[in-house]
Structures are given as C-alpha cells and as structure tokens.
Amino acid sequence: MILTGVDSNHEDLIEWWIKNAQKHVKGETIGVWDFGMTPMTRSIIEHNYPNVWLSIPLDKHKTSGWFYKLHAVIDAPEKRVAWLDVDCEILTDISDVFDLVKPETIGLTRDWVRGDWWATGVIVVNDRPNLLYEWNNRLNKGDDIRGDQEALLDMIDKNTHPEITELPQEYQWLRISLNQGKDSPTKKVIHWTGPKGRDHIRNNLMK
C-alpha cells in the first residue's frame, strides 16, 4: 500500500499526489487518510478516485495532522505500507522499496539538511515493529514536541537502531538538497518540504 494523509490545511495537494501515485505505482493499493479534510474534498476523492482506499474521517488535530501519521501507518488496512507525506512527488515505481526493508524494521532515509537526522516524510514497513508503537506514543505524549521527526530524534537521536533499515536517499530526495546543487539521476521521490516546497507544487507542478 502507498499511503498518505491530509487535513484541510493542505488538502489542495491531494489530487496531485493521487495522480502521481496512480501514474507510477500500478501494483499497490493507493490510500489516503482523512485527517480532517473538508467534506467537499472527501467527496471529490470518493467520486473521482473510486479505486483509492479512503479512511474514515478523523477529527482535525488541534496541532497538526502529522500527529496522526504513525497511527495511520499502524492502522493501515494492509501489512506492507509505504507512507509518503502529501508534498512528496513520486517520480517512478517505488514498490521495490518493500524488498529493501527487513522484517520488524522501519525503512527511513536520512535528512542531510538537518545534520543527518532520520527523515520521516517517507516511512516503509512490511509489518509493525515495536519501535513504530513506541514512536507513536512519544509523538502523542502531550508535550510540546514539534512533530514526528523531532519525536524520533528525541528517542534515538541520529543513531542507528536495530529496528531501522536505512534506505537509499533516492527514496526521499529533499527539496533543499536540490537547492544546494545535490541531485541524483536515479531519484524516485522528491520531498518538496516546507512552505516554499508546497508553493512550488501549487505554482508549478500542479499546472
């Protein structure tokens, strides 16, 4: 399953994401978690993309939809899940990523821009490792943690972990890496991070 989720803040990106996923990934279910979309956007997905799995609607999170992300991976209806944030551009078939993730581990790339943190815009599992539940509990502890990437940093810092499989960077090529002149002809996903990245999607890629 290739999965994303979105609330009303960035729901204008969801059709762009779905079309890219359907164009490039033919052998996997495409899924969307409703983190508090407007009824209109939900209706558009239901009517225009009948083959897309759509979750029950969740109440919009008081802080941000990304606090639902790990819950979405854990409760996805299929065992094999590749989560991609809604501002990730799928460039080619990425279903081979499941072959790279060892059992009982979480597949992640590194965030070169932020001091080699684990990057969490792409999360891949073939099952449900214990670390996934621990990470979800840390994210939703109720303190002032900013989001899922910071929660994982707080837990394990930048260290390797027996329940993490490091993926090739091509599975999440960061916008800022491109801005710094770092590119790869074999990149599979571009993560257009931040407000500037989402503006780029809206102003260029969606047209």
N, C-alpha and C. Protein backbone atom coordinates (compact mmCIF):
# COMPACT_ATOMS: atom_id res chain seq x y z
N MET A 1 0.84 -1.19 0.00
CA MET A 1 0.00 0.00 0.00
C MET A 1 0.88 1.25 0.00
N ILE A 2 0.55 2.20 -0.88
CA ILE A 2 1.20 3.50 -0.92
C ILE A 2 0.22 4.49 -0.29
N LEU A 3 0.63 5.14 0.78
CA LEU A 3 -0.30 5.83 1.67
C LEU A 3 0.12 7.25 1.95
N THR A 4 -0.87 8.13 2.08
CA THR A 4 -0.64 9.47 2.60
C THR A 4 -1.84 9.87 3.45
N GLY A 5 -1.78 11.08 3.99
CA GLY A 5 -2.89 11.61 4.76
C GLY A 5 -2.83 13.12 4.75
N VAL A 6 -3.98 13.75 4.97
CA VAL A 6 -4.00 15.20 4.87
C VAL A 6 -5.23 15.74 5.60
N ASP A 7 -5.08 16.96 6.14
CA ASP A 7 -6.23 17.66 6.70
C ASP A 7 -6.59 18.82 5.78
N SER A 8 -7.44 19.69 6.25
CA SER A 8 -7.91 20.78 5.38
C SER A 8 -6.83 21.80 5.05
N ASN A 9 -5.74 21.83 5.81
CA ASN A 9 -4.70 22.84 5.57
C ASN A 9 -4.01 22.64 4.23
N HIS A 10 -3.78 21.38 3.84
CA HIS A 10 -3.04 21.11 2.61
C HIS A 10 -3.80 20.17 1.68
N GLU A 11 -5.13 20.12 1.84
CA GLU A 11 -5.91 19.18 1.04
C GLU A 11 -5.92 19.52 -0.45
N ASP A 12 -5.55 20.74 -0.80
CA ASP A 12 -5.50 21.08 -2.23
C ASP A 12 -4.40 20.31 -2.96
N LEU A 13 -3.47 19.68 -2.22
CA LEU A 13 -2.40 18.91 -2.84
C LEU A 13 -2.79 17.46 -3.09
N ILE A 14 -3.91 17.01 -2.56
CA ILE A 14 -4.17 15.57 -2.53
C ILE A 14 -4.42 14.98 -3.91
N GLU A 15 -5.11 15.68 -4.79
CA GLU A 15 -5.33 15.12 -6.13
C GLU A 15 -4.02 15.01 -6.90
N TRP A 16 -3.15 15.99 -6.75
CA TRP A 16 -1.82 15.94 -7.37
C TRP A 16 -1.07 14.71 -6.89
N TRP A 17 -1.11 14.45 -5.59
CA TRP A 17 -0.42 13.29 -5.01
C TRP A 17 -1.02 11.99 -5.54
N ILE A 18 -2.34 11.90 -5.54
CA ILE A 18 -3.00 10.68 -6.00
C ILE A 18 -2.66 10.39 -7.46
N LYS A 19 -2.71 11.41 -8.30
CA LYS A 19 -2.43 11.21 -9.73
C LYS A 19 -1.02 10.72 -9.96
N ASN A 20 -0.04 11.26 -9.23
CA ASN A 20 1.34 10.78 -9.34
C ASN A 20 1.46 9.33 -8.89
N ALA A 21 0.81 9.01 -7.77
CA ALA A 21 0.88 7.65 -7.26
C ALA A 21 0.25 6.66 -8.24
N GLN A 22 -0.92 7.01 -8.77
CA GLN A 22 -1.59 6.11 -9.71
C GLN A 22 -0.83 5.99 -11.03
N LYS A 23 -0.18 7.04 -11.43
CA LYS A 23 0.57 7.02 -12.69
C LYS A 23 1.76 6.07 -12.62
N HIS A 24 2.45 6.06 -11.49
CA HIS A 24 3.72 5.36 -11.41
C HIS A 24 3.67 4.02 -10.69
N VAL A 25 2.71 3.83 -9.81
CA VAL A 25 2.67 2.61 -9.00
C VAL A 25 1.41 1.84 -9.36
N LYS A 26 1.57 0.76 -10.10
CA LYS A 26 0.42 0.04 -10.63
C LYS A 26 0.00 -1.16 -9.79
N GLY A 27 0.93 -1.74 -9.07
CA GLY A 27 0.64 -3.00 -8.39
C GLY A 27 0.33 -2.89 -6.92
N GLU A 28 0.13 -1.68 -6.42
CA GLU A 28 -0.13 -1.47 -4.99
C GLU A 28 -1.41 -0.66 -4.80
N THR A 29 -2.09 -0.92 -3.70
CA THR A 29 -3.22 -0.08 -3.32
C THR A 29 -2.74 1.33 -3.01
N ILE A 30 -3.47 2.32 -3.49
CA ILE A 30 -3.20 3.71 -3.14
C ILE A 30 -4.19 4.10 -2.05
N GLY A 31 -3.70 4.71 -0.97
CA GLY A 31 -4.58 5.01 0.15
C GLY A 31 -4.40 6.43 0.67
N VAL A 32 -5.49 6.97 1.22
CA VAL A 32 -5.49 8.32 1.80
C VAL A 32 -6.17 8.28 3.16
N TRP A 33 -5.48 8.80 4.15
CA TRP A 33 -6.10 9.00 5.47
C TRP A 33 -6.69 10.40 5.53
N ASP A 34 -7.92 10.46 6.00
CA ASP A 34 -8.63 11.72 6.17
C ASP A 34 -8.36 12.24 7.57
N PHE A 35 -7.42 13.18 7.67
CA PHE A 35 -7.04 13.77 8.95
C PHE A 35 -7.87 15.00 9.30
N GLY A 36 -8.98 15.18 8.63
CA GLY A 36 -9.82 16.35 8.86
C GLY A 36 -9.96 17.19 7.61
N MET A 37 -10.12 16.52 6.47
CA MET A 37 -10.39 17.23 5.22
C MET A 37 -11.79 17.83 5.25
N THR A 38 -12.03 18.77 4.37
CA THR A 38 -13.39 19.30 4.24
C THR A 38 -14.26 18.24 3.57
N PRO A 39 -15.56 18.26 3.84
CA PRO A 39 -16.47 17.30 3.18
C PRO A 39 -16.39 17.38 1.65
N MET A 40 -16.15 18.57 1.11
CA MET A 40 -16.06 18.71 -0.34
C MET A 40 -14.88 17.92 -0.91
N THR A 41 -13.71 18.06 -0.28
CA THR A 41 -12.54 17.34 -0.77
C THR A 41 -12.73 15.84 -0.61
N ARG A 42 -13.28 15.41 0.49
CA ARG A 42 -13.55 13.98 0.68
C ARG A 42 -14.47 13.46 -0.41
N SER A 43 -15.50 14.23 -0.73
CA SER A 43 -16.44 13.83 -1.77
C SER A 43 -15.76 13.71 -3.13
N ILE A 44 -14.84 14.64 -3.41
CA ILE A 44 -14.09 14.59 -4.69
C ILE A 44 -13.29 13.29 -4.78
N ILE A 45 -12.62 12.91 -3.71
CA ILE A 45 -11.84 11.68 -3.72
C ILE A 45 -12.76 10.47 -3.92
N GLU A 46 -13.87 10.45 -3.20
CA GLU A 46 -14.80 9.32 -3.31
C GLU A 46 -15.34 9.15 -4.72
N HIS A 47 -15.64 10.26 -5.38
CA HIS A 47 -16.27 10.20 -6.69
C HIS A 47 -15.26 10.09 -7.84
N ASN A 48 -14.13 10.78 -7.73
CA ASN A 48 -13.17 10.80 -8.84
C ASN A 48 -12.13 9.68 -8.78
N TYR A 49 -11.93 9.11 -7.59
CA TYR A 49 -10.89 8.09 -7.43
C TYR A 49 -11.46 6.89 -6.68
N PRO A 50 -12.40 6.18 -7.31
CA PRO A 50 -13.09 5.09 -6.60
C PRO A 50 -12.16 3.94 -6.21
N ASN A 51 -11.00 3.82 -6.85
CA ASN A 51 -10.08 2.74 -6.52
C ASN A 51 -9.12 3.09 -5.40
N VAL A 52 -9.19 4.32 -4.92
CA VAL A 52 -8.32 4.75 -3.82
C VAL A 52 -8.99 4.40 -2.49
N TRP A 53 -8.24 3.71 -1.63
CA TRP A 53 -8.74 3.44 -0.29
C TRP A 53 -8.77 4.75 0.49
N LEU A 54 -9.90 5.01 1.18
CA LEU A 54 -10.07 6.24 1.94
C LEU A 54 -10.51 5.88 3.35
N SER A 55 -9.80 6.41 4.34
CA SER A 55 -10.11 6.09 5.74
C SER A 55 -11.40 6.76 6.17
N ILE A 56 -11.88 6.35 7.32
CA ILE A 56 -12.95 7.11 7.96
C ILE A 56 -12.39 8.49 8.30
N PRO A 57 -13.23 9.53 8.34
CA PRO A 57 -12.72 10.86 8.69
C PRO A 57 -12.36 10.95 10.16
N LEU A 58 -11.19 11.52 10.43
CA LEU A 58 -10.78 11.80 11.80
C LEU A 58 -11.03 13.28 12.10
N ASP A 59 -11.25 13.58 13.36
CA ASP A 59 -11.37 14.97 13.75
C ASP A 59 -10.05 15.69 13.51
N LYS A 60 -10.09 16.89 12.99
CA LYS A 60 -8.87 17.62 12.72
C LYS A 60 -8.09 17.81 14.02
N HIS A 61 -6.80 17.45 13.99
CA HIS A 61 -5.96 17.54 15.18
C HIS A 61 -5.77 19.01 15.58
N LYS A 62 -5.78 19.27 16.86
CA LYS A 62 -5.68 20.64 17.34
C LYS A 62 -4.34 21.28 17.01
N THR A 63 -3.31 20.46 16.79
CA THR A 63 -1.98 20.99 16.47
C THR A 63 -1.65 20.82 15.00
N SER A 64 -1.59 19.60 14.53
CA SER A 64 -1.24 19.33 13.12
C SER A 64 -1.62 17.91 12.77
N GLY A 65 -1.93 17.70 11.49
CA GLY A 65 -2.28 16.37 11.02
C GLY A 65 -1.17 15.37 11.17
N TRP A 66 0.10 15.83 11.24
CA TRP A 66 1.19 14.86 11.29
C TRP A 66 1.23 14.10 12.62
N PHE A 67 0.47 14.55 13.61
CA PHE A 67 0.37 13.78 14.84
C PHE A 67 -0.45 12.50 14.65
N TYR A 68 -1.14 12.40 13.52
CA TYR A 68 -1.87 11.18 13.18
C TYR A 68 -1.04 10.23 12.31
N LYS A 69 0.11 10.65 11.85
CA LYS A 69 0.83 9.91 10.81
C LYS A 69 1.16 8.48 11.23
N LEU A 70 1.75 8.29 12.39
CA LEU A 70 2.16 6.96 12.81
C LEU A 70 0.96 6.08 13.10
N HIS A 71 -0.08 6.68 13.63
CA HIS A 71 -1.36 5.96 13.80
C HIS A 71 -1.85 5.46 12.45
N ALA A 72 -1.71 6.29 11.42
CA ALA A 72 -2.17 5.91 10.08
C ALA A 72 -1.39 4.72 9.54
N VAL A 73 -0.09 4.69 9.78
CA VAL A 73 0.73 3.56 9.34
C VAL A 73 0.35 2.30 10.12
N ILE A 74 0.22 2.43 11.42
CA ILE A 74 -0.11 1.28 12.27
C ILE A 74 -1.46 0.69 11.89
N ASP A 75 -2.44 1.54 11.65
CA ASP A 75 -3.82 1.08 11.39
C ASP A 75 -4.16 0.96 9.91
N ALA A 76 -3.17 1.05 9.04
CA ALA A 76 -3.43 0.86 7.61
C ALA A 76 -3.99 -0.53 7.37
N PRO A 77 -4.85 -0.70 6.36
CA PRO A 77 -5.52 -1.99 6.16
C PRO A 77 -4.65 -3.06 5.51
N GLU A 78 -3.42 -2.75 5.12
CA GLU A 78 -2.52 -3.74 4.56
C GLU A 78 -1.23 -3.78 5.37
N LYS A 79 -0.56 -4.91 5.36
CA LYS A 79 0.66 -5.06 6.17
C LYS A 79 1.82 -4.26 5.58
N ARG A 80 1.94 -4.27 4.25
CA ARG A 80 3.03 -3.53 3.60
C ARG A 80 2.57 -2.10 3.36
N VAL A 81 3.27 -1.17 3.96
CA VAL A 81 2.87 0.24 3.87
C VAL A 81 4.08 1.10 3.56
N ALA A 82 3.94 1.93 2.53
CA ALA A 82 4.92 2.99 2.28
C ALA A 82 4.17 4.31 2.44
N TRP A 83 4.44 4.97 3.54
CA TRP A 83 3.84 6.28 3.79
C TRP A 83 4.69 7.35 3.12
N LEU A 84 4.03 8.27 2.39
CA LEU A 84 4.71 9.43 1.83
C LEU A 84 3.89 10.66 2.18
N ASP A 85 4.54 11.68 2.75
CA ASP A 85 3.85 12.93 3.01
C ASP A 85 3.20 13.45 1.72
N VAL A 86 2.16 14.25 1.87
CA VAL A 86 1.40 14.70 0.71
C VAL A 86 2.19 15.65 -0.18
N ASP A 87 3.30 16.20 0.31
CA ASP A 87 4.15 17.05 -0.52
C ASP A 87 5.33 16.28 -1.12
N CYS A 88 5.21 14.96 -1.19
CA CYS A 88 6.21 14.12 -1.85
C CYS A 88 5.76 13.84 -3.28
N GLU A 89 6.66 14.08 -4.22
CA GLU A 89 6.38 13.83 -5.64
C GLU A 89 6.96 12.47 -6.03
N ILE A 90 6.10 11.54 -6.37
CA ILE A 90 6.52 10.22 -6.83
C ILE A 90 6.90 10.33 -8.30
N LEU A 91 8.13 9.93 -8.63
CA LEU A 91 8.66 10.09 -9.97
C LEU A 91 8.66 8.79 -10.77
N THR A 92 8.58 7.65 -10.09
CA THR A 92 8.69 6.37 -10.75
C THR A 92 8.07 5.31 -9.84
N ASP A 93 8.06 4.08 -10.30
CA ASP A 93 7.54 2.99 -9.47
C ASP A 93 8.43 2.82 -8.23
N ILE A 94 7.85 2.88 -7.07
CA ILE A 94 8.62 2.75 -5.82
C ILE A 94 8.28 1.46 -5.08
N SER A 95 7.53 0.58 -5.70
CA SER A 95 7.11 -0.62 -4.98
C SER A 95 8.26 -1.54 -4.61
N ASP A 96 9.42 -1.37 -5.29
CA ASP A 96 10.59 -2.18 -4.93
C ASP A 96 11.14 -1.84 -3.55
N VAL A 97 10.69 -0.73 -2.97
CA VAL A 97 11.19 -0.34 -1.65
C VAL A 97 10.85 -1.39 -0.59
N PHE A 98 9.75 -2.11 -0.79
CA PHE A 98 9.37 -3.11 0.21
C PHE A 98 10.39 -4.23 0.29
N ASP A 99 11.09 -4.49 -0.80
CA ASP A 99 12.11 -5.54 -0.81
C ASP A 99 13.36 -5.13 -0.03
N LEU A 100 13.51 -3.84 0.24
CA LEU A 100 14.70 -3.35 0.91
C LEU A 100 14.56 -3.31 2.44
N VAL A 101 13.33 -3.40 2.92
CA VAL A 101 13.07 -3.23 4.35
C VAL A 101 13.00 -4.60 5.03
N LYS A 102 13.90 -4.83 5.95
CA LYS A 102 13.95 -6.10 6.65
C LYS A 102 12.73 -6.26 7.55
N PRO A 103 12.33 -7.51 7.82
CA PRO A 103 11.21 -7.74 8.74
C PRO A 103 11.47 -7.10 10.10
N GLU A 104 10.39 -6.59 10.69
CA GLU A 104 10.44 -5.97 12.02
C GLU A 104 11.35 -4.75 12.06
N THR A 105 11.44 -4.04 10.93
CA THR A 105 12.17 -2.77 10.91
C THR A 105 11.34 -1.72 10.18
N ILE A 106 11.76 -0.47 10.34
CA ILE A 106 11.14 0.68 9.68
C ILE A 106 12.15 1.22 8.67
N GLY A 107 11.75 1.34 7.42
CA GLY A 107 12.63 1.89 6.40
C GLY A 107 12.57 3.40 6.38
N LEU A 108 13.72 4.05 6.56
CA LEU A 108 13.82 5.51 6.58
C LEU A 108 15.07 5.96 5.83
N THR A 109 15.03 7.15 5.28
CA THR A 109 16.23 7.80 4.75
C THR A 109 16.77 8.77 5.78
N ARG A 110 17.89 9.38 5.45
CA ARG A 110 18.48 10.40 6.32
C ARG A 110 18.11 11.79 5.83
N ASP A 111 18.10 12.74 6.75
CA ASP A 111 17.89 14.15 6.43
C ASP A 111 19.26 14.83 6.44
N TRP A 112 19.86 14.93 5.26
CA TRP A 112 21.18 15.54 5.16
C TRP A 112 21.16 16.99 5.62
N VAL A 113 20.06 17.67 5.40
CA VAL A 113 19.98 19.10 5.65
C VAL A 113 19.97 19.40 7.15
N ARG A 114 19.36 18.54 7.91
CA ARG A 114 19.23 18.76 9.35
C ARG A 114 20.21 17.90 10.13
N GLY A 115 21.46 17.91 9.72
CA GLY A 115 22.50 17.25 10.50
C GLY A 115 22.43 15.74 10.53
N ASP A 116 21.87 15.13 9.46
CA ASP A 116 21.81 13.68 9.34
C ASP A 116 20.80 13.04 10.29
N TRP A 117 19.74 13.78 10.63
CA TRP A 117 18.63 13.19 11.37
C TRP A 117 18.03 12.08 10.51
N TRP A 118 17.23 11.23 11.14
CA TRP A 118 16.36 10.35 10.38
C TRP A 118 15.23 11.20 9.79
N ALA A 119 15.01 11.06 8.48
CA ALA A 119 13.94 11.79 7.80
C ALA A 119 12.67 10.95 7.82
N THR A 120 11.53 11.58 8.06
CA THR A 120 10.31 10.80 8.27
C THR A 120 9.18 11.16 7.31
N GLY A 121 9.52 11.80 6.21
CA GLY A 121 8.49 12.06 5.19
C GLY A 121 8.13 10.82 4.41
N VAL A 122 9.03 9.84 4.41
CA VAL A 122 8.78 8.52 3.82
C VAL A 122 9.05 7.48 4.90
N ILE A 123 8.06 6.64 5.17
CA ILE A 123 8.15 5.61 6.20
C ILE A 123 7.66 4.31 5.58
N VAL A 124 8.49 3.26 5.64
CA VAL A 124 8.15 1.99 4.99
C VAL A 124 8.21 0.85 5.99
N VAL A 125 7.15 0.04 6.02
CA VAL A 125 7.13 -1.15 6.87
C VAL A 125 6.51 -2.31 6.11
N ASN A 126 6.95 -3.52 6.45
CA ASN A 126 6.31 -4.74 5.96
C ASN A 126 5.50 -5.42 7.06
N ASP A 127 5.57 -4.87 8.24
CA ASP A 127 4.85 -5.39 9.40
C ASP A 127 4.72 -4.24 10.39
N ARG A 128 4.68 -4.49 11.65
CA ARG A 128 4.53 -3.41 12.63
C ARG A 128 5.57 -3.57 13.74
N PRO A 129 6.77 -3.04 13.52
CA PRO A 129 7.83 -3.16 14.54
C PRO A 129 7.45 -2.47 15.85
N ASN A 130 8.03 -2.93 16.94
CA ASN A 130 7.76 -2.33 18.24
C ASN A 130 8.11 -0.85 18.25
N LEU A 131 9.19 -0.49 17.56
CA LEU A 131 9.62 0.91 17.54
C LEU A 131 8.53 1.82 16.99
N LEU A 132 7.72 1.32 16.07
CA LEU A 132 6.65 2.13 15.50
C LEU A 132 5.64 2.54 16.57
N TYR A 133 5.30 1.60 17.44
CA TYR A 133 4.35 1.91 18.53
C TYR A 133 4.99 2.84 19.55
N GLU A 134 6.25 2.60 19.88
CA GLU A 134 6.96 3.46 20.83
C GLU A 134 7.07 4.88 20.28
N TRP A 135 7.34 4.99 19.01
CA TRP A 135 7.45 6.29 18.36
C TRP A 135 6.11 7.02 18.38
N ASN A 136 5.04 6.29 18.10
CA ASN A 136 3.71 6.91 18.13
C ASN A 136 3.38 7.39 19.54
N ASN A 137 3.72 6.60 20.55
CA ASN A 137 3.47 7.01 21.93
C ASN A 137 4.27 8.26 22.29
N ARG A 138 5.53 8.32 21.82
CA ARG A 138 6.35 9.50 22.11
C ARG A 138 5.78 10.74 21.42
N LEU A 139 5.35 10.58 20.18
CA LEU A 139 4.80 11.71 19.44
C LEU A 139 3.58 12.28 20.14
N ASN A 140 2.77 11.41 20.70
CA ASN A 140 1.50 11.84 21.29
C ASN A 140 1.55 11.89 22.82
N LYS A 141 2.74 12.13 23.33
CA LYS A 141 2.94 12.22 24.78
C LYS A 141 2.21 13.40 25.38
N GLY A 142 2.00 14.45 24.58
CA GLY A 142 1.27 15.61 25.09
C GLY A 142 2.15 16.76 25.50
N ASP A 143 3.45 16.68 25.16
CA ASP A 143 4.32 17.81 25.45
C ASP A 143 4.41 18.71 24.22
N ASP A 144 5.44 19.52 24.13
CA ASP A 144 5.50 20.50 23.06
C ASP A 144 6.35 20.04 21.88
N ILE A 145 6.50 18.72 21.69
CA ILE A 145 7.29 18.23 20.56
C ILE A 145 6.68 18.73 19.26
N ARG A 146 7.53 19.13 18.31
CA ARG A 146 7.04 19.77 17.08
C ARG A 146 6.35 18.79 16.14
N GLY A 147 6.89 17.58 16.03
CA GLY A 147 6.31 16.64 15.08
C GLY A 147 7.00 15.29 15.14
N ASP A 148 6.69 14.44 14.18
CA ASP A 148 7.16 13.05 14.20
C ASP A 148 8.67 12.94 14.03
N GLN A 149 9.27 13.79 13.20
CA GLN A 149 10.72 13.70 13.02
C GLN A 149 11.45 14.09 14.30
N GLU A 150 10.96 15.12 14.96
CA GLU A 150 11.57 15.55 16.22
C GLU A 150 11.35 14.50 17.32
N ALA A 151 10.20 13.83 17.29
CA ALA A 151 9.93 12.80 18.29
C ALA A 151 10.92 11.65 18.16
N LEU A 152 11.21 11.24 16.93
CA LEU A 152 12.17 10.16 16.74
C LEU A 152 13.58 10.60 17.14
N LEU A 153 13.93 11.84 16.83
CA LEU A 153 15.23 12.37 17.25
C LEU A 153 15.35 12.35 18.77
N ASP A 154 14.28 12.71 19.45
CA ASP A 154 14.28 12.72 20.90
C ASP A 154 14.48 11.32 21.47
N MET A 155 13.99 10.32 20.75
CA MET A 155 14.08 8.94 21.23
C MET A 155 15.47 8.33 20.99
N ILE A 156 15.99 8.49 19.77
CA ILE A 156 17.21 7.75 19.43
C ILE A 156 18.30 8.66 18.86
N ASP A 157 18.05 9.96 18.82
CA ASP A 157 18.99 10.91 18.26
C ASP A 157 19.27 10.53 16.80
N LYS A 158 20.50 10.63 16.34
CA LYS A 158 20.85 10.31 14.95
C LYS A 158 21.41 8.89 14.82
N ASN A 159 21.32 8.12 15.88
CA ASN A 159 21.98 6.84 15.94
C ASN A 159 21.31 5.80 15.05
N THR A 160 22.08 4.78 14.68
CA THR A 160 21.47 3.62 14.07
C THR A 160 20.63 2.90 15.12
N HIS A 161 19.73 2.04 14.65
CA HIS A 161 18.83 1.35 15.56
C HIS A 161 18.51 -0.01 14.94
N PRO A 162 18.45 -1.07 15.75
CA PRO A 162 18.19 -2.40 15.18
C PRO A 162 16.84 -2.52 14.48
N GLU A 163 15.91 -1.61 14.77
CA GLU A 163 14.61 -1.67 14.11
C GLU A 163 14.45 -0.59 13.04
N ILE A 164 15.56 -0.05 12.54
CA ILE A 164 15.52 0.87 11.41
C ILE A 164 16.42 0.33 10.31
N THR A 165 15.88 0.25 9.10
CA THR A 165 16.65 -0.05 7.90
C THR A 165 16.86 1.27 7.15
N GLU A 166 18.11 1.64 6.94
CA GLU A 166 18.38 2.88 6.20
C GLU A 166 18.18 2.65 4.71
N LEU A 167 17.32 3.46 4.12
CA LEU A 167 17.01 3.35 2.70
C LEU A 167 17.93 4.25 1.88
N PRO A 168 18.15 3.92 0.62
CA PRO A 168 18.89 4.83 -0.27
C PRO A 168 18.20 6.19 -0.32
N GLN A 169 19.00 7.23 -0.40
CA GLN A 169 18.47 8.58 -0.36
C GLN A 169 17.50 8.87 -1.51
N GLU A 170 17.62 8.10 -2.59
CA GLU A 170 16.75 8.31 -3.75
C GLU A 170 15.27 8.14 -3.44
N TYR A 171 14.96 7.46 -2.34
CA TYR A 171 13.55 7.28 -1.98
C TYR A 171 12.96 8.48 -1.25
N GLN A 172 13.80 9.49 -0.96
CA GLN A 172 13.29 10.75 -0.42
C GLN A 172 14.35 11.84 -0.66
N TRP A 173 14.35 12.37 -1.86
CA TRP A 173 15.31 13.42 -2.20
C TRP A 173 14.72 14.74 -1.77
N LEU A 174 15.44 15.47 -0.94
CA LEU A 174 14.89 16.67 -0.31
C LEU A 174 15.01 17.90 -1.21
N ARG A 175 14.00 18.74 -1.14
CA ARG A 175 13.99 20.00 -1.90
C ARG A 175 15.26 20.81 -1.64
N ILE A 176 15.65 20.91 -0.39
CA ILE A 176 16.80 21.75 -0.06
C ILE A 176 18.08 21.15 -0.63
N SER A 177 18.15 19.83 -0.74
CA SER A 177 19.31 19.21 -1.40
C SER A 177 19.41 19.68 -2.84
N LEU A 178 18.26 19.73 -3.53
CA LEU A 178 18.26 20.23 -4.90
C LEU A 178 18.72 21.69 -4.94
N ASN A 179 18.23 22.47 -4.00
CA ASN A 179 18.62 23.89 -3.94
C ASN A 179 20.11 24.06 -3.71
N GLN A 180 20.72 23.09 -3.03
CA GLN A 180 22.16 23.15 -2.75
C GLN A 180 22.99 22.50 -3.85
N GLY A 181 22.34 22.11 -4.94
CA GLY A 181 23.06 21.54 -6.07
C GLY A 181 23.31 20.05 -5.97
N LYS A 182 22.70 19.37 -5.00
CA LYS A 182 22.84 17.93 -4.86
C LYS A 182 21.66 17.25 -5.54
N ASP A 183 21.96 16.47 -6.58
CA ASP A 183 20.90 15.82 -7.34
C ASP A 183 21.32 14.38 -7.65
N SER A 184 20.36 13.59 -8.09
CA SER A 184 20.64 12.22 -8.49
C SER A 184 19.75 11.87 -9.68
N PRO A 185 20.32 11.29 -10.73
CA PRO A 185 19.50 10.89 -11.88
C PRO A 185 18.61 9.70 -11.58
N THR A 186 18.84 9.04 -10.45
CA THR A 186 18.05 7.86 -10.10
C THR A 186 17.08 8.13 -8.95
N LYS A 187 16.86 9.39 -8.61
CA LYS A 187 15.93 9.68 -7.51
C LYS A 187 14.52 9.21 -7.88
N LYS A 188 13.81 8.73 -6.88
CA LYS A 188 12.48 8.16 -7.07
C LYS A 188 11.37 9.03 -6.50
N VAL A 189 11.70 9.79 -5.47
CA VAL A 189 10.74 10.66 -4.79
C VAL A 189 11.43 11.98 -4.46
N ILE A 190 10.77 13.09 -4.75
CA ILE A 190 11.25 14.39 -4.28
C ILE A 190 10.30 14.86 -3.18
N HIS A 191 10.86 15.20 -2.04
CA HIS A 191 10.06 15.75 -0.95
C HIS A 191 10.18 17.26 -0.99
N TRP A 192 9.10 17.91 -1.44
CA TRP A 192 9.07 19.37 -1.55
C TRP A 192 8.69 19.96 -0.20
N THR A 193 9.65 19.98 0.70
CA THR A 193 9.39 20.31 2.09
C THR A 193 9.10 21.79 2.31
N GLY A 194 8.33 22.04 3.38
CA GLY A 194 8.11 23.40 3.86
C GLY A 194 7.19 24.23 3.00
N PRO A 195 6.89 25.44 3.46
CA PRO A 195 6.01 26.34 2.70
C PRO A 195 6.52 26.62 1.29
N LYS A 196 7.84 26.76 1.12
CA LYS A 196 8.38 27.02 -0.22
C LYS A 196 8.15 25.83 -1.13
N GLY A 197 8.30 24.64 -0.59
CA GLY A 197 8.06 23.45 -1.39
C GLY A 197 6.62 23.31 -1.80
N ARG A 198 5.71 23.57 -0.87
CA ARG A 198 4.29 23.47 -1.21
C ARG A 198 3.89 24.55 -2.21
N ASP A 199 4.48 25.72 -2.08
CA ASP A 199 4.22 26.77 -3.08
C ASP A 199 4.72 26.34 -4.46
N HIS A 200 5.86 25.65 -4.50
CA HIS A 200 6.39 25.15 -5.77
C HIS A 200 5.42 24.15 -6.40
N ILE A 201 4.87 23.28 -5.58
CA ILE A 201 3.88 22.32 -6.10
C ILE A 201 2.68 23.06 -6.68
N ARG A 202 2.15 24.00 -5.90
CA ARG A 202 0.95 24.70 -6.34
C ARG A 202 1.18 25.56 -7.57
N ASN A 203 2.32 26.21 -7.64
CA ASN A 203 2.57 27.19 -8.70
C ASN A 203 3.19 26.59 -9.96
N ASN A 204 3.78 25.41 -9.83
CA ASN A 204 4.48 24.83 -10.97
C ASN A 204 4.02 23.40 -11.28
N LEU A 205 4.09 22.52 -10.32
CA LEU A 205 3.88 21.11 -10.61
C LEU A 205 2.41 20.76 -10.85
N MET A 206 1.50 21.50 -10.22
CA MET A 206 0.07 21.18 -10.38
C MET A 206 -0.50 21.74 -11.68
N LYS A 207 0.26 22.55 -12.40
CA LYS A 207 -0.26 23.18 -13.61
C LYS A 207 0.03 22.30 -14.81
